Amino acid sequence: MWLLAPNTKFIKQYKLLSSQFQERVDSALDELAKSENPTKLGDYKTSLKVYAYDLDKSNRIIYSVDFSNNTIELRRVGDHKMTYGKD
């Protein structure tokens, strides 16, 4: 089981989501936390050195994995503009 460590930006963006969408994010986070290797569930973004877990066509969770501490660092959540800061 992986420990989830959200940063401040992730928490702020999460609070802006609708309660229905927060449930979808919670389900995805549960899947990440219980996975054997969370890197396999997301696409690696080489320019940012993070993983992107696709929630649907336009929304995603941005995270990185710290294998030494068994931690998933949650960085951002939301649509493309919220997660990458651009369209």
Protein backbone atom coordinates (compact mmCIF):
# COMPACT_ATOMS: atom_id res chain seq x y z
CA MET A 1 0.00 0.00 0.00
CA TRP A 2 1.32 3.41 -0.99
CA LEU A 3 1.10 6.54 1.13
CA LEU A 4 -0.59 9.48 -0.64
CA ALA A 5 1.06 12.86 -0.03
CA PRO A 6 -0.88 15.75 -1.62
CA ASN A 7 0.86 19.10 -1.94
CA THR A 8 -0.84 22.46 -1.35
CA LYS A 9 -1.62 23.02 -5.05
CA PHE A 10 -3.31 19.62 -5.31
CA ILE A 11 -5.48 20.32 -2.25
CA LYS A 12 -6.57 23.73 -3.60
CA GLN A 13 -7.44 22.30 -7.02
CA TYR A 14 -9.26 19.33 -5.45
CA LYS A 15 -11.49 21.67 -3.45
CA LEU A 16 -12.51 23.47 -6.68
CA LEU A 17 -13.86 20.26 -8.21
CA SER A 18 -17.52 19.29 -8.01
CA SER A 19 -18.40 16.73 -5.35
CA GLN A 20 -19.29 14.23 -8.07
CA PHE A 21 -15.89 14.65 -9.69
CA GLN A 22 -14.15 14.50 -6.30
CA GLU A 23 -15.64 11.00 -5.91
CA ARG A 24 -14.06 9.99 -9.22
CA VAL A 25 -10.70 11.39 -8.06
CA ASP A 26 -11.03 9.55 -4.72
CA SER A 27 -11.65 6.29 -6.58
CA ALA A 28 -8.58 6.85 -8.77
CA LEU A 29 -6.45 7.71 -5.71
CA ASP A 30 -7.60 4.51 -4.04
CA GLU A 31 -6.57 2.55 -7.13
CA LEU A 32 -3.14 4.25 -7.14
CA ALA A 33 -2.60 3.61 -3.43
CA LYS A 34 -3.46 -0.10 -3.74
CA SER A 35 -1.49 -0.77 -6.94
CA GLU A 36 1.74 -2.75 -6.94
CA ASN A 37 3.45 -0.18 -9.15
CA PRO A 38 1.65 3.18 -9.56
CA THR A 39 3.96 4.19 -12.41
CA LYS A 40 2.20 1.65 -14.65
CA LEU A 41 -1.17 3.40 -14.19
CA GLY A 42 -0.04 6.77 -15.56
CA ASP A 43 1.73 8.13 -18.63
CA TYR A 44 5.23 9.45 -17.92
CA LYS A 45 5.70 13.09 -18.95
CA THR A 46 9.41 13.45 -19.65
CA SER A 47 9.45 17.24 -19.75
CA LEU A 48 7.93 17.51 -16.25
CA LYS A 49 9.30 14.24 -14.84
CA VAL A 50 5.88 13.28 -13.48
CA TYR A 51 3.10 10.79 -14.25
CA ALA A 52 -0.36 11.69 -15.51
CA TYR A 53 -3.28 9.44 -14.56
CA ASP A 54 -6.16 10.08 -16.98
CA LEU A 55 -9.53 10.37 -15.27
CA ASP A 56 -11.37 11.04 -18.55
CA LYS A 57 -10.66 12.71 -21.87
CA SER A 58 -9.72 16.10 -20.41
CA ASN A 59 -9.03 15.57 -16.67
CA ARG A 60 -6.05 14.00 -14.99
CA ILE A 61 -4.07 13.59 -11.79
CA ILE A 62 -0.40 14.61 -11.90
CA TYR A 63 1.83 12.71 -9.49
CA SER A 64 5.35 11.48 -8.87
CA VAL A 65 6.47 8.32 -7.09
CA ASP A 66 9.07 8.08 -4.34
CA PHE A 67 10.03 4.40 -4.14
CA SER A 68 12.41 4.86 -1.21
CA ASN A 69 9.60 6.18 1.03
CA ASN A 70 6.78 4.22 -0.65
CA THR A 71 4.98 7.53 -1.30
CA ILE A 72 2.92 8.94 -4.15
CA GLU A 73 3.33 12.71 -4.24
CA LEU A 74 0.11 14.23 -5.60
CA ARG A 75 0.92 17.45 -7.43
CA ARG A 76 -2.11 18.60 -9.42
CA VAL A 77 -5.61 17.55 -10.41
CA GLY A 78 -8.15 18.83 -12.93
CA ASP A 79 -8.36 19.68 -16.60
CA HIS A 80 -5.40 20.32 -18.90
CA LYS A 81 -5.13 24.00 -18.02
CA MET A 82 -5.26 23.33 -14.26
CA THR A 83 -2.69 20.55 -14.39
CA TYR A 84 -0.20 21.90 -16.90
CA GLY A 85 -0.92 25.63 -16.64
CA LYS A 86 -1.64 25.99 -20.36
CA ASP A 87 -4.21 25.01 -23.01
